[in-house]
């Protein structure tokens, strides 16, 4: 439907505001607000950081609050809250280290975000003032998610997934995988927490206790974040070039979709039963989730590591390392499931209670 060109690679996932505005960051340091129907620029905000290079700018995916406030982290070591209509800055919080993690929003408006400084930060959503910081044993690139009871889950480079009390910052439990965790968790309807690891495995944990319910081994690293489709089926990609459909209760493989190259992009599932995922082969792919049929592909000009976002009106948005943001008309809303896309919904709030 349209293409919008930024000044550098786009690896984060677009977020969609209540009025259909699309928010997306780029490694050119900017956060852009685009008209969801036309792609016309509404405003842009300079988030600072290095002026050029792949390790610069805005890797973090924005999260949009119920009042339209847009929250995003940046390589400048800051988290910003912006007016979604105008782009004017409401506040900024300096957390002292690069932020690649995407914010998650608690039910009370608290902003949770990880950093390369090995900490998960909790900030007041109205003022940006720190509430608490939880220190892990490794950098945090993955994004936190928030359960219906306020528990915050996040993985780190110390091979651990942590469950943290969202109000106090106290650790509730930790689970040790076999390698780094770059995957952002998804939360099922029964509070099961799903995530992947560089140890090539997908894990399902009891959200209350941290006990392992099952694990599934893929053929390579799992950097991708899982999503959940109808019937509680978990969809997750691997560096082995496949997206797996796993039974959420048992971990049994129901189907696999072969994309041939690394899958870092998290799948998005539509109500019409379509799976959309980007790939290292420079393409966005579409599959029928029931038959496994590869329905179409769109070739961008570079890697598609950005996770696609589906708006309520059926528009699909995705970024690429070719510096562009793309919009497609799919004709179908997101699937009715607990977690049909990265961040849980088109606003990327990362909160289970929104479902």
C-alpha atoms as a PDB file:
ATOM      1  CA  UNK A   1       0.000   0.000   0.000  1.00  0.00           C
ATOM      2  CA  UNK A   2       2.895   2.339   0.745  1.00  0.00           C
ATOM      3  CA  UNK A   3       6.594   2.556   1.548  1.00  0.00           C
ATOM      4  CA  UNK A   4       8.263   5.066   3.865  1.00  0.00           C
ATOM      5  CA  UNK A   5      12.016   5.566   3.675  1.00  0.00           C
ATOM      6  CA  UNK A   6      14.049   6.304   6.809  1.00  0.00           C
ATOM      7  CA  UNK A   7      17.742   7.163   7.002  1.00  0.00           C
ATOM      8  CA  UNK A   8      19.034   3.781   8.181  1.00  0.00           C
ATOM      9  CA  UNK A   9      18.075   0.181   9.002  1.00  0.00           C
ATOM     10  CA  UNK A  10      14.714  -0.552  10.628  1.00  0.00           C
ATOM     11  CA  UNK A  11      14.930  -3.579  12.904  1.00  0.00           C
ATOM     12  CA  UNK A  12      12.287  -2.750  15.501  1.00  0.00           C
ATOM     13  CA  UNK A  13       8.608  -3.596  15.191  1.00  0.00           C
ATOM     14  CA  UNK A  14       6.021  -0.913  14.332  1.00  0.00           C
ATOM     15  CA  UNK A  15       3.390  -0.025  16.925  1.00  0.00           C
ATOM     16  CA  UNK A  16      -0.088   1.235  16.064  1.00  0.00           C
ATOM     17  CA  UNK A  17      -1.815   3.941  18.087  1.00  0.00           C
ATOM     18  CA  UNK A  18      -5.542   4.223  18.886  1.00  0.00           C
ATOM     19  CA  UNK A  19      -6.091   6.462  15.842  1.00  0.00           C
ATOM     20  CA  UNK A  20      -4.175   4.207  13.449  1.00  0.00           C
ATOM     21  CA  UNK A  21      -0.910   6.154  13.562  1.00  0.00           C
ATOM     22  CA  UNK A  22       2.133   3.920  13.025  1.00  0.00           C
ATOM     23  CA  UNK A  23       5.175   4.522  15.251  1.00  0.00           C
ATOM     24  CA  UNK A  24       8.553   3.075  14.266  1.00  0.00           C
ATOM     25  CA  UNK A  25      12.188   3.729  15.124  1.00  0.00           C
ATOM     26  CA  UNK A  26      15.232   3.581  12.866  1.00  0.00           C
ATOM     27  CA  UNK A  27      18.976   3.295  13.311  1.00  0.00           C
ATOM     28  CA  UNK A  28      19.095   6.885  11.994  1.00  0.00           C
ATOM     29  CA  UNK A  29      18.228   7.907  15.609  1.00  0.00           C
ATOM     30  CA  UNK A  30      14.685   8.950  14.724  1.00  0.00           C
ATOM     31  CA  UNK A  31      11.284   7.787  15.891  1.00  0.00           C
ATOM     32  CA  UNK A  32       8.689   8.336  13.163  1.00  0.00           C
ATOM     33  CA  UNK A  33       4.930   8.773  13.361  1.00  0.00           C
ATOM     34  CA  UNK A  34       3.234   7.848  10.079  1.00  0.00           C
ATOM     35  CA  UNK A  35      -0.331   7.959   8.826  1.00  0.00           C
ATOM     36  CA  UNK A  36      -1.347   4.310   8.811  1.00  0.00           C
ATOM     37  CA  UNK A  37      -3.365   4.606   5.602  1.00  0.00           C
ATOM     38  CA  UNK A  38      -1.032   6.718   3.474  1.00  0.00           C
ATOM     39  CA  UNK A  39       2.421   6.478   5.061  1.00  0.00           C
ATOM     40  CA  UNK A  40       2.634  10.268   5.211  1.00  0.00           C
ATOM     41  CA  UNK A  41       4.986  11.575   7.899  1.00  0.00           C
ATOM     42  CA  UNK A  42       3.143  13.171  10.827  1.00  0.00           C
ATOM     43  CA  UNK A  43       6.193  13.954  12.945  1.00  0.00           C
ATOM     44  CA  UNK A  44       9.666  12.703  13.812  1.00  0.00           C
ATOM     45  CA  UNK A  45      11.662  12.763  17.041  1.00  0.00           C
ATOM     46  CA  UNK A  46      15.448  12.612  17.394  1.00  0.00           C
ATOM     47  CA  UNK A  47      16.265  10.100  20.145  1.00  0.00           C
ATOM     48  CA  UNK A  48      20.011  10.772  20.020  1.00  0.00           C
ATOM     49  CA  UNK A  49      22.850   8.270  20.182  1.00  0.00           C
ATOM     50  CA  UNK A  50      25.457   7.576  17.533  1.00  0.00           C
ATOM     51  CA  UNK A  51      24.803   9.344  14.259  1.00  0.00           C
ATOM     52  CA  UNK A  52      25.483   6.335  12.040  1.00  0.00           C
ATOM     53  CA  UNK A  53      26.175   2.609  12.075  1.00  0.00           C
ATOM     54  CA  UNK A  54      24.230  -0.537  12.826  1.00  0.00           C
ATOM     55  CA  UNK A  55      24.763  -0.130  16.569  1.00  0.00           C
ATOM     56  CA  UNK A  56      23.073   3.228  16.754  1.00  0.00           C
ATOM     57  CA  UNK A  57      19.708   4.934  16.951  1.00  0.00           C
ATOM     58  CA  UNK A  58      16.406   3.266  17.882  1.00  0.00           C
ATOM     59  CA  UNK A  59      16.304  -0.524  17.924  1.00  0.00           C
ATOM     60  CA  UNK A  60      13.598  -0.576  20.611  1.00  0.00           C
ATOM     61  CA  UNK A  61       9.999  -1.059  19.459  1.00  0.00           C
ATOM     62  CA  UNK A  62       7.653   1.642  20.784  1.00  0.00           C
ATOM     63  CA  UNK A  63       4.803   0.915  23.180  1.00  0.00           C
ATOM     64  CA  UNK A  64       1.628   3.000  23.071  1.00  0.00           C
ATOM     65  CA  UNK A  65      -0.317   3.700  26.248  1.00  0.00           C
ATOM     66  CA  UNK A  66      -4.092   3.909  26.574  1.00  0.00           C
ATOM     67  CA  UNK A  67      -3.896   7.715  26.463  1.00  0.00           C
ATOM     68  CA  UNK A  68      -1.804   7.662  23.276  1.00  0.00           C
ATOM     69  CA  UNK A  69       1.547   8.324  24.951  1.00  0.00           C
ATOM     70  CA  UNK A  70       4.397   6.673  23.051  1.00  0.00           C
ATOM     71  CA  UNK A  71       7.263   5.141  25.042  1.00  0.00           C
ATOM     72  CA  UNK A  72      10.552   4.106  23.429  1.00  0.00           C
ATOM     73  CA  UNK A  73      14.153   3.393  24.375  1.00  0.00           C
ATOM     74  CA  UNK A  74      17.266   4.422  22.457  1.00  0.00           C
ATOM     75  CA  UNK A  75      20.973   3.743  22.088  1.00  0.00           C
ATOM     76  CA  UNK A  76      21.514   7.119  23.728  1.00  0.00           C
ATOM     77  CA  UNK A  77      20.786   5.402  27.046  1.00  0.00           C
ATOM     78  CA  UNK A  78      17.468   7.167  27.429  1.00  0.00           C
ATOM     79  CA  UNK A  79      13.814   6.220  27.565  1.00  0.00           C
ATOM     80  CA  UNK A  80      11.367   8.768  26.165  1.00  0.00           C
ATOM     81  CA  UNK A  81       7.664   9.441  26.640  1.00  0.00           C
ATOM     82  CA  UNK A  82       6.170  11.385  23.730  1.00  0.00           C
ATOM     83  CA  UNK A  83       2.788  12.858  22.923  1.00  0.00           C
ATOM     84  CA  UNK A  84       1.434  10.536  20.244  1.00  0.00           C
ATOM     85  CA  UNK A  85      -0.329  13.333  18.397  1.00  0.00           C
ATOM     86  CA  UNK A  86       2.436  15.908  18.234  1.00  0.00           C
ATOM     87  CA  UNK A  87       5.700  14.127  19.060  1.00  0.00           C
ATOM     88  CA  UNK A  88       6.415  16.615  21.836  1.00  0.00           C
ATOM     89  CA  UNK A  89       8.493  15.174  24.669  1.00  0.00           C
ATOM     90  CA  UNK A  90       6.662  14.561  27.933  1.00  0.00           C
ATOM     91  CA  UNK A  91       9.753  13.296  29.742  1.00  0.00           C
ATOM     92  CA  UNK A  92      13.040  11.515  29.283  1.00  0.00           C
ATOM     93  CA  UNK A  93      14.808   9.203  31.685  1.00  0.00           C
ATOM     94  CA  UNK A  94      18.510   8.494  31.478  1.00  0.00           C
ATOM     95  CA  UNK A  95      19.297   4.946  32.580  1.00  0.00           C
ATOM     96  CA  UNK A  96      22.993   5.044  31.815  1.00  0.00           C
ATOM     97  CA  UNK A  97      23.274   2.310  29.206  1.00  0.00           C
ATOM     98  CA  UNK A  98      22.172   1.418  25.671  1.00  0.00           C
ATOM     99  CA  UNK A  99      18.496   0.425  25.438  1.00  0.00           C
ATOM    100  CA  UNK A 100      17.691  -2.157  22.759  1.00  0.00           C
ATOM    101  CA  UNK A 101      14.906  -3.665  24.857  1.00  0.00           C
ATOM    102  CA  UNK A 102      11.355  -2.498  24.124  1.00  0.00           C
ATOM    103  CA  UNK A 103       9.209  -1.026  26.915  1.00  0.00           C
ATOM    104  CA  UNK A 104       6.325  -2.950  28.481  1.00  0.00           C
ATOM    105  CA  UNK A 105       3.508  -1.142  30.255  1.00  0.00           C
ATOM    106  CA  UNK A 106       1.974  -2.227  33.545  1.00  0.00           C
ATOM    107  CA  UNK A 107      -1.710  -1.850  34.326  1.00  0.00           C
ATOM    108  CA  UNK A 108      -0.891   1.165  36.519  1.00  0.00           C
ATOM    109  CA  UNK A 109       1.142   2.820  33.743  1.00  0.00           C
ATOM    110  CA  UNK A 110       4.566   1.754  35.017  1.00  0.00           C
ATOM    111  CA  UNK A 111       7.113   1.473  32.200  1.00  0.00           C
ATOM    112  CA  UNK A 112       9.423  -1.557  32.363  1.00  0.00           C
ATOM    113  CA  UNK A 113      12.508  -1.699  30.145  1.00  0.00           C
ATOM    114  CA  UNK A 114      15.809  -3.564  30.097  1.00  0.00           C
ATOM    115  CA  UNK A 115      19.287  -2.235  29.311  1.00  0.00           C
ATOM    116  CA  UNK A 116      22.773  -3.341  28.404  1.00  0.00           C
ATOM    117  CA  UNK A 117      23.683  -2.193  31.914  1.00  0.00           C
ATOM    118  CA  UNK A 118      22.323  -5.551  33.161  1.00  0.00           C
ATOM    119  CA  UNK A 119      19.272  -3.991  34.746  1.00  0.00           C
ATOM    120  CA  UNK A 120      15.527  -4.057  34.364  1.00  0.00           C
ATOM    121  CA  UNK A 121      14.191  -0.578  35.123  1.00  0.00           C
ATOM    122  CA  UNK A 122      10.738   0.390  36.376  1.00  0.00           C
ATOM    123  CA  UNK A 123       9.800   4.003  35.628  1.00  0.00           C
ATOM    124  CA  UNK A 124       6.754   6.050  36.563  1.00  0.00           C
ATOM    125  CA  UNK A 125       4.757   6.360  33.336  1.00  0.00           C
ATOM    126  CA  UNK A 126       3.634   9.922  34.116  1.00  0.00           C
ATOM    127  CA  UNK A 127       6.960  11.416  35.208  1.00  0.00           C
ATOM    128  CA  UNK A 128       9.740   9.044  34.175  1.00  0.00           C
ATOM    129  CA  UNK A 129      11.011   8.919  37.746  1.00  0.00           C
ATOM    130  CA  UNK A 130      12.646   5.603  38.698  1.00  0.00           C
ATOM    131  CA  UNK A 131      10.649   3.235  40.894  1.00  0.00           C
ATOM    132  CA  UNK A 132      13.210   0.456  41.141  1.00  0.00           C
ATOM    133  CA  UNK A 133      15.939  -1.330  39.179  1.00  0.00           C
ATOM    134  CA  UNK A 134      16.541  -5.076  39.230  1.00  0.00           C
ATOM    135  CA  UNK A 135      20.074  -6.240  38.440  1.00  0.00           C
ATOM    136  CA  UNK A 136      20.685  -9.420  36.467  1.00  0.00           C
ATOM    137  CA  UNK A 137      23.941 -11.205  35.704  1.00  0.00           C
ATOM    138  CA  UNK A 138      23.990 -10.256  32.022  1.00  0.00           C
ATOM    139  CA  UNK A 139      22.941  -7.579  29.561  1.00  0.00           C
ATOM    140  CA  UNK A 140      19.264  -7.372  28.651  1.00  0.00           C
ATOM    141  CA  UNK A 141      18.408  -7.156  24.970  1.00  0.00           C
ATOM    142  CA  UNK A 142      15.090  -8.987  25.229  1.00  0.00           C
ATOM    143  CA  UNK A 143      11.979  -7.045  26.149  1.00  0.00           C
ATOM    144  CA  UNK A 144      10.041  -7.587  29.377  1.00  0.00           C
ATOM    145  CA  UNK A 145       6.409  -8.668  29.449  1.00  0.00           C
ATOM    146  CA  UNK A 146       3.845  -8.240  32.200  1.00  0.00           C
ATOM    147  CA  UNK A 147       1.436 -10.903  33.419  1.00  0.00           C
ATOM    148  CA  UNK A 148      -2.165 -10.268  34.419  1.00  0.00           C
ATOM    149  CA  UNK A 149      -1.103 -10.325  38.088  1.00  0.00           C
ATOM    150  CA  UNK A 150       1.615  -7.712  37.534  1.00  0.00           C
ATOM    151  CA  UNK A 151       4.546 -10.127  37.433  1.00  0.00           C
ATOM    152  CA  UNK A 152       7.271  -8.969  35.030  1.00  0.00           C
ATOM    153  CA  UNK A 153       9.182 -11.580  33.021  1.00  0.00           C
ATOM    154  CA  UNK A 154      12.476 -10.900  31.242  1.00  0.00           C
ATOM    155  CA  UNK A 155      15.454 -12.867  29.951  1.00  0.00           C
ATOM    156  CA  UNK A 156      19.136 -11.905  30.000  1.00  0.00           C
ATOM    157  CA  UNK A 157      22.593 -12.868  28.757  1.00  0.00           C
ATOM    158  CA  UNK A 158      23.251 -14.733  32.014  1.00  0.00           C
ATOM    159  CA  UNK A 159      21.073 -17.535  30.556  1.00  0.00           C
ATOM    160  CA  UNK A 160      18.248 -16.811  32.978  1.00  0.00           C
ATOM    161  CA  UNK A 161      14.599 -15.887  32.702  1.00  0.00           C
ATOM    162  CA  UNK A 162      13.462 -13.857  35.706  1.00  0.00           C
ATOM    163  CA  UNK A 163      10.032 -13.355  37.257  1.00  0.00           C
ATOM    164  CA  UNK A 164       9.942 -10.078  39.187  1.00  0.00           C
ATOM    165  CA  UNK A 165       7.265  -8.461  41.321  1.00  0.00           C
ATOM    166  CA  UNK A 166       6.207  -5.472  39.240  1.00  0.00           C
ATOM    167  CA  UNK A 167       5.373  -3.342  42.283  1.00  0.00           C
ATOM    168  CA  UNK A 168       8.509  -3.904  44.375  1.00  0.00           C
ATOM    169  CA  UNK A 169      11.215  -5.197  42.041  1.00  0.00           C
ATOM    170  CA  UNK A 170      11.701  -8.299  44.197  1.00  0.00           C
ATOM    171  CA  UNK A 171      12.680 -11.525  42.449  1.00  0.00           C
ATOM    172  CA  UNK A 172       9.975 -14.181  42.564  1.00  0.00           C
ATOM    173  CA  UNK A 173      11.906 -16.919  40.759  1.00  0.00           C
ATOM    174  CA  UNK A 174      14.494 -17.537  38.072  1.00  0.00           C
ATOM    175  CA  UNK A 175      14.929 -20.268  35.474  1.00  0.00           C
ATOM    176  CA  UNK A 176      18.256 -21.154  33.888  1.00  0.00           C
ATOM    177  CA  UNK A 177      18.371 -22.083  30.206  1.00  0.00           C
ATOM    178  CA  UNK A 178      21.435 -23.422  28.398  1.00  0.00           C
ATOM    179  CA  UNK A 179      22.543 -20.140  26.837  1.00  0.00           C
ATOM    180  CA  UNK A 180      21.666 -16.468  26.369  1.00  0.00           C
ATOM    181  CA  UNK A 181      18.039 -15.356  26.162  1.00  0.00           C
ATOM    182  CA  UNK A 182      17.337 -12.747  23.481  1.00  0.00           C
ATOM    183  CA  UNK A 183      13.761 -13.905  22.972  1.00  0.00           C
ATOM    184  CA  UNK A 184      10.952 -11.816  24.450  1.00  0.00           C
ATOM    185  CA  UNK A 185       8.417 -14.055  26.239  1.00  0.00           C
ATOM    186  CA  UNK A 186       4.781 -14.549  25.323  1.00  0.00           C
ATOM    187  CA  UNK A 187       2.166 -15.283  27.978  1.00  0.00           C
ATOM    188  CA  UNK A 188      -0.593 -17.826  27.403  1.00  0.00           C
ATOM    189  CA  UNK A 189      -4.163 -17.714  28.667  1.00  0.00           C
ATOM    190  CA  UNK A 190      -3.228 -20.084  31.519  1.00  0.00           C
ATOM    191  CA  UNK A 191      -0.204 -17.912  32.496  1.00  0.00           C
ATOM    192  CA  UNK A 192       2.297 -20.223  30.801  1.00  0.00           C
ATOM    193  CA  UNK A 193       5.389 -18.248  29.783  1.00  0.00           C
ATOM    194  CA  UNK A 194       6.968 -19.189  26.445  1.00  0.00           C
ATOM    195  CA  UNK A 195      10.400 -18.102  25.193  1.00  0.00           C
ATOM    196  CA  UNK A 196      13.408 -19.254  23.186  1.00  0.00           C
ATOM    197  CA  UNK A 197      17.146 -19.400  23.851  1.00  0.00           C
ATOM    198  CA  UNK A 198      20.442 -19.475  21.980  1.00  0.00           C
ATOM    199  CA  UNK A 199      20.695 -23.066  23.296  1.00  0.00           C
ATOM    200  CA  UNK A 200      18.378 -23.910  20.325  1.00  0.00           C
ATOM    201  CA  UNK A 201      15.383 -24.616  22.546  1.00  0.00           C
ATOM    202  CA  UNK A 202      11.895 -23.272  23.146  1.00  0.00           C
ATOM    203  CA  UNK A 203      10.709 -23.375  26.751  1.00  0.00           C
ATOM    204  CA  UNK A 204       7.320 -23.311  28.463  1.00  0.00           C
ATOM    205  CA  UNK A 205       7.304 -22.407  32.155  1.00  0.00           C
ATOM    206  CA  UNK A 206       4.628 -22.169  34.810  1.00  0.00           C
ATOM    207  CA  UNK A 207       4.257 -18.407  35.250  1.00  0.00           C
ATOM    208  CA  UNK A 208       3.589 -18.726  38.980  1.00  0.00           C
ATOM    209  CA  UNK A 209       6.399 -21.076  39.978  1.00  0.00           C
ATOM    210  CA  UNK A 210       8.950 -21.099  37.148  1.00  0.00           C
ATOM    211  CA  UNK A 211       8.652 -24.877  36.853  1.00  0.00           C
ATOM    212  CA  UNK A 212       9.372 -26.180  33.369  1.00  0.00           C
ATOM    213  CA  UNK A 213       6.320 -27.587  31.622  1.00  0.00           C
ATOM    214  CA  UNK A 214       8.143 -28.610  28.447  1.00  0.00           C
ATOM    215  CA  UNK A 215      11.005 -27.823  26.110  1.00  0.00           C
ATOM    216  CA  UNK A 216      11.325 -28.243  22.347  1.00  0.00           C
ATOM    217  CA  UNK A 217      14.629 -28.417  20.513  1.00  0.00           C
ATOM    218  CA  UNK A 218      15.067 -26.740  17.118  1.00  0.00           C
ATOM    219  CA  UNK A 219      18.005 -27.021  14.732  1.00  0.00           C
ATOM    220  CA  UNK A 220      19.729 -23.757  15.652  1.00  0.00           C
ATOM    221  CA  UNK A 221      19.623 -20.613  17.818  1.00  0.00           C
ATOM    222  CA  UNK A 222      16.213 -19.303  18.856  1.00  0.00           C
ATOM    223  CA  UNK A 223      16.461 -15.522  18.931  1.00  0.00           C
ATOM    224  CA  UNK A 224      12.873 -15.080  17.743  1.00  0.00           C
ATOM    225  CA  UNK A 225      10.102 -14.161  20.166  1.00  0.00           C
ATOM    226  CA  UNK A 226       7.083 -16.494  20.239  1.00  0.00           C
ATOM    227  CA  UNK A 227       3.511 -15.611  19.413  1.00  0.00           C
ATOM    228  CA  UNK A 228       0.307 -17.490  20.218  1.00  0.00           C
ATOM    229  CA  UNK A 229      -2.447 -18.315  17.764  1.00  0.00           C
ATOM    230  CA  UNK A 230      -5.965 -19.732  18.135  1.00  0.00           C
ATOM    231  CA  UNK A 231      -6.159 -22.847  20.263  1.00  0.00           C
ATOM    232  CA  UNK A 232      -3.069 -21.851  22.219  1.00  0.00           C
ATOM    233  CA  UNK A 233      -0.678 -22.905  19.435  1.00  0.00           C
ATOM    234  CA  UNK A 234       2.776 -21.348  19.896  1.00  0.00           C
ATOM    235  CA  UNK A 235       4.581 -20.081  16.792  1.00  0.00           C
ATOM    236  CA  UNK A 236       8.304 -19.394  16.929  1.00  0.00           C
ATOM    237  CA  UNK A 237      11.154 -19.131  14.429  1.00  0.00           C
ATOM    238  CA  UNK A 238      14.727 -20.386  14.573  1.00  0.00           C
ATOM    239  CA  UNK A 239      18.046 -19.734  12.883  1.00  0.00           C
ATOM    240  CA  UNK A 240      17.490 -23.124  11.246  1.00  0.00           C
ATOM    241  CA  UNK A 241      15.178 -21.322   8.801  1.00  0.00           C
ATOM    242  CA  UNK A 242      11.901 -22.676  10.128  1.00  0.00           C
ATOM    243  CA  UNK A 243       8.890 -21.393  12.036  1.00  0.00           C
ATOM    244  CA  UNK A 244       7.470 -24.076  14.315  1.00  0.00           C
ATOM    245  CA  UNK A 245       3.863 -24.498  15.403  1.00  0.00           C
ATOM    246  CA  UNK A 246       3.877 -26.153  18.847  1.00  0.00           C
ATOM    247  CA  UNK A 247       1.061 -27.381  21.052  1.00  0.00           C
ATOM    248  CA  UNK A 248       1.030 -24.882  23.912  1.00  0.00           C
ATOM    249  CA  UNK A 249       0.173 -27.550  26.474  1.00  0.00           C
ATOM    250  CA  UNK A 250       2.624 -30.276  25.508  1.00  0.00           C
ATOM    251  CA  UNK A 251       5.242 -28.756  23.212  1.00  0.00           C
ATOM    252  CA  UNK A 252       4.483 -31.331  20.518  1.00  0.00           C
ATOM    253  CA  UNK A 253       5.224 -30.075  17.011  1.00  0.00           C
ATOM    254  CA  UNK A 254       2.064 -29.638  14.977  1.00  0.00           C
ATOM    255  CA  UNK A 255       3.608 -28.139  11.847  1.00  0.00           C
ATOM    256  CA  UNK A 256       6.674 -26.345  10.539  1.00  0.00           C
ATOM    257  CA  UNK A 257       7.007 -23.646   7.916  1.00  0.00           C
ATOM    258  CA  UNK A 258      10.244 -23.593   5.940  1.00  0.00           C
ATOM    259  CA  UNK A 259      11.637 -20.132   5.190  1.00  0.00           C
ATOM    260  CA  UNK A 260      15.128 -21.500   4.332  1.00  0.00           C
ATOM    261  CA  UNK A 261      17.121 -18.786   6.157  1.00  0.00           C
ATOM    262  CA  UNK A 262      17.372 -17.359   9.703  1.00  0.00           C
ATOM    263  CA  UNK A 263      14.076 -16.293  11.269  1.00  0.00           C
ATOM    264  CA  UNK A 264      14.569 -13.546  13.850  1.00  0.00           C
ATOM    265  CA  UNK A 265      11.316 -11.738  13.085  1.00  0.00           C
ATOM    266  CA  UNK A 266       8.460 -12.855  15.336  1.00  0.00           C
ATOM    267  CA  UNK A 267       5.459 -14.235  13.444  1.00  0.00           C
ATOM    268  CA  UNK A 268       2.146 -12.393  13.406  1.00  0.00           C
ATOM    269  CA  UNK A 269      -1.072 -14.411  13.169  1.00  0.00           C
ATOM    270  CA  UNK A 270      -4.258 -13.079  11.567  1.00  0.00           C
ATOM    271  CA  UNK A 271      -7.888 -13.990  12.238  1.00  0.00           C
ATOM    272  CA  UNK A 272      -8.038 -15.381   8.686  1.00  0.00           C
ATOM    273  CA  UNK A 273      -5.480 -18.032   9.630  1.00  0.00           C
ATOM    274  CA  UNK A 274      -2.417 -16.492   8.019  1.00  0.00           C
ATOM    275  CA  UNK A 275       1.098 -16.429   9.430  1.00  0.00           C
ATOM    276  CA  UNK A 276       3.401 -13.540   8.476  1.00  0.00           C
ATOM    277  CA  UNK A 277       7.127 -13.546   9.251  1.00  0.00           C
ATOM    278  CA  UNK A 278      10.227 -11.759   8.041  1.00  0.00           C
ATOM    279  CA  UNK A 279      13.441 -13.555   7.198  1.00  0.00           C
ATOM    280  CA  UNK A 280      17.184 -13.245   6.645  1.00  0.00           C
ATOM    281  CA  UNK A 281      16.463 -13.934   2.944  1.00  0.00           C
ATOM    282  CA  UNK A 282      15.276 -10.291   2.626  1.00  0.00           C
ATOM    283  CA  UNK A 283      11.630 -11.344   2.368  1.00  0.00           C
ATOM    284  CA  UNK A 284       8.326 -11.125   4.203  1.00  0.00           C
ATOM    285  CA  UNK A 285       6.541 -14.485   3.936  1.00  0.00           C
ATOM    286  CA  UNK A 286       2.869 -15.432   4.267  1.00  0.00           C
ATOM    287  CA  UNK A 287       1.672 -18.969   5.093  1.00  0.00           C
ATOM    288  CA  UNK A 288      -1.668 -20.645   5.701  1.00  0.00           C
ATOM    289  CA  UNK A 289      -1.363 -21.839   9.301  1.00  0.00           C
ATOM    290  CA  UNK A 290      -3.599 -24.898   8.824  1.00  0.00           C
ATOM    291  CA  UNK A 291      -2.204 -26.289   5.580  1.00  0.00           C
ATOM    292  CA  UNK A 292       1.332 -24.922   5.783  1.00  0.00           C
ATOM    293  CA  UNK A 293       0.996 -23.619   2.221  1.00  0.00           C
ATOM    294  CA  UNK A 294       3.342 -20.784   1.313  1.00  0.00           C
ATOM    295  CA  UNK A 295       0.928 -18.204  -0.101  1.00  0.00           C
ATOM    296  CA  UNK A 296       3.154 -15.289  -1.059  1.00  0.00           C
ATOM    297  CA  UNK A 297       6.394 -13.482  -0.389  1.00  0.00           C
ATOM    298  CA  UNK A 298       7.527  -9.885  -0.734  1.00  0.00           C
ATOM    299  CA  UNK A 299      11.179  -9.133  -1.339  1.00  0.00           C
ATOM    300  CA  UNK A 300      12.562  -6.079   0.413  1.00  0.00           C
ATOM    301  CA  UNK A 301      16.008  -4.651  -0.234  1.00  0.00           C
ATOM    302  CA  UNK A 302      17.703  -6.229   2.785  1.00  0.00           C
ATOM    303  CA  UNK A 303      17.098  -8.355   5.901  1.00  0.00           C
ATOM    304  CA  UNK A 304      13.634  -8.370   7.456  1.00  0.00           C
ATOM    305  CA  UNK A 305      14.379  -8.751  11.169  1.00  0.00           C
ATOM    306  CA  UNK A 306      11.507  -6.434  12.125  1.00  0.00           C
ATOM    307  CA  UNK A 307       8.454  -8.264  13.454  1.00  0.00           C
ATOM    308  CA  UNK A 308       5.250  -7.536  11.511  1.00  0.00           C
ATOM    309  CA  UNK A 309       2.369  -5.796  13.236  1.00  0.00           C
ATOM    310  CA  UNK A 310      -1.277  -6.254  12.238  1.00  0.00           C
ATOM    311  CA  UNK A 311      -3.702  -3.408  12.928  1.00  0.00           C
ATOM    312  CA  UNK A 312      -7.386  -3.942  13.705  1.00  0.00           C
ATOM    313  CA  UNK A 313      -8.286  -2.883  10.139  1.00  0.00           C
ATOM    314  CA  UNK A 314      -6.096  -5.587   8.618  1.00  0.00           C
ATOM    315  CA  UNK A 315      -3.163  -3.382   7.646  1.00  0.00           C
ATOM    316  CA  UNK A 316       0.198  -5.062   8.204  1.00  0.00           C
ATOM    317  CA  UNK A 317       3.336  -3.021   8.895  1.00  0.00           C
ATOM    318  CA  UNK A 318       6.955  -4.163   8.913  1.00  0.00           C
ATOM    319  CA  UNK A 319      10.427  -2.635   8.657  1.00  0.00           C
ATOM    320  CA  UNK A 320      13.586  -3.772   6.887  1.00  0.00           C
ATOM    321  CA  UNK A 321      17.325  -3.208   7.001  1.00  0.00           C
ATOM    322  CA  UNK A 322      16.862  -1.573   3.586  1.00  0.00           C
ATOM    323  CA  UNK A 323      15.796   1.517   5.616  1.00  0.00           C
ATOM    324  CA  UNK A 324      12.128   1.220   4.652  1.00  0.00           C
ATOM    325  CA  UNK A 325       8.827   0.700   6.434  1.00  0.00           C
ATOM    326  CA  UNK A 326       6.260  -1.232   4.374  1.00  0.00           C
ATOM    327  CA  UNK A 327       2.467  -1.378   4.621  1.00  0.00           C
ATOM    328  CA  UNK A 328       0.297  -4.181   3.203  1.00  0.00           C
ATOM    329  CA  UNK A 329      -3.478  -4.658   3.110  1.00  0.00           C
ATOM    330  CA  UNK A 330      -4.263  -8.174   4.363  1.00  0.00           C
ATOM    331  CA  UNK A 331      -8.015  -7.851   4.873  1.00  0.00           C
ATOM    332  CA  UNK A 332      -7.931  -9.533   8.274  1.00  0.00           C
ATOM    333  CA  UNK A 333      -7.576  -8.370  11.861  1.00  0.00           C
ATOM    334  CA  UNK A 334      -5.191 -10.018  14.335  1.00  0.00           C
ATOM    335  CA  UNK A 335      -6.107 -13.496  15.534  1.00  0.00           C
ATOM    336  CA  UNK A 336      -8.262 -13.732  18.638  1.00  0.00           C
ATOM    337  CA  UNK A 337      -5.653 -15.212  20.938  1.00  0.00           C
ATOM    338  CA  UNK A 338      -3.671 -14.235  24.044  1.00  0.00           C
ATOM    339  CA  UNK A 339      -0.583 -13.091  22.101  1.00  0.00           C
ATOM    340  CA  UNK A 340      -0.991 -12.946  18.277  1.00  0.00           C
ATOM    341  CA  UNK A 341       2.049 -10.731  17.600  1.00  0.00           C
ATOM    342  CA  UNK A 342       5.208  -9.401  19.216  1.00  0.00           C
ATOM    343  CA  UNK A 343       4.348  -7.363  22.305  1.00  0.00           C
ATOM    344  CA  UNK A 344       0.951  -9.022  22.569  1.00  0.00           C
ATOM    345  CA  UNK A 345      -0.983  -6.477  20.519  1.00  0.00           C
ATOM    346  CA  UNK A 346      -0.591  -3.747  17.907  1.00  0.00           C
ATOM    347  CA  UNK A 347       0.285  -1.232  20.634  1.00  0.00           C
ATOM    348  CA  UNK A 348       3.126  -3.518  21.891  1.00  0.00           C
ATOM    349  CA  UNK A 349       2.174  -2.940  25.515  1.00  0.00           C
ATOM    350  CA  UNK A 350       3.600  -6.364  26.414  1.00  0.00           C
ATOM    351  CA  UNK A 351       0.888  -6.862  28.990  1.00  0.00           C
ATOM    352  CA  UNK A 352      -1.231 -10.000  29.273  1.00  0.00           C
ATOM    353  CA  UNK A 353      -4.170  -8.110  30.793  1.00  0.00           C
ATOM    354  CA  UNK A 354      -4.756  -6.338  27.467  1.00  0.00           C
ATOM    355  CA  UNK A 355      -5.889  -9.550  25.826  1.00  0.00           C
END
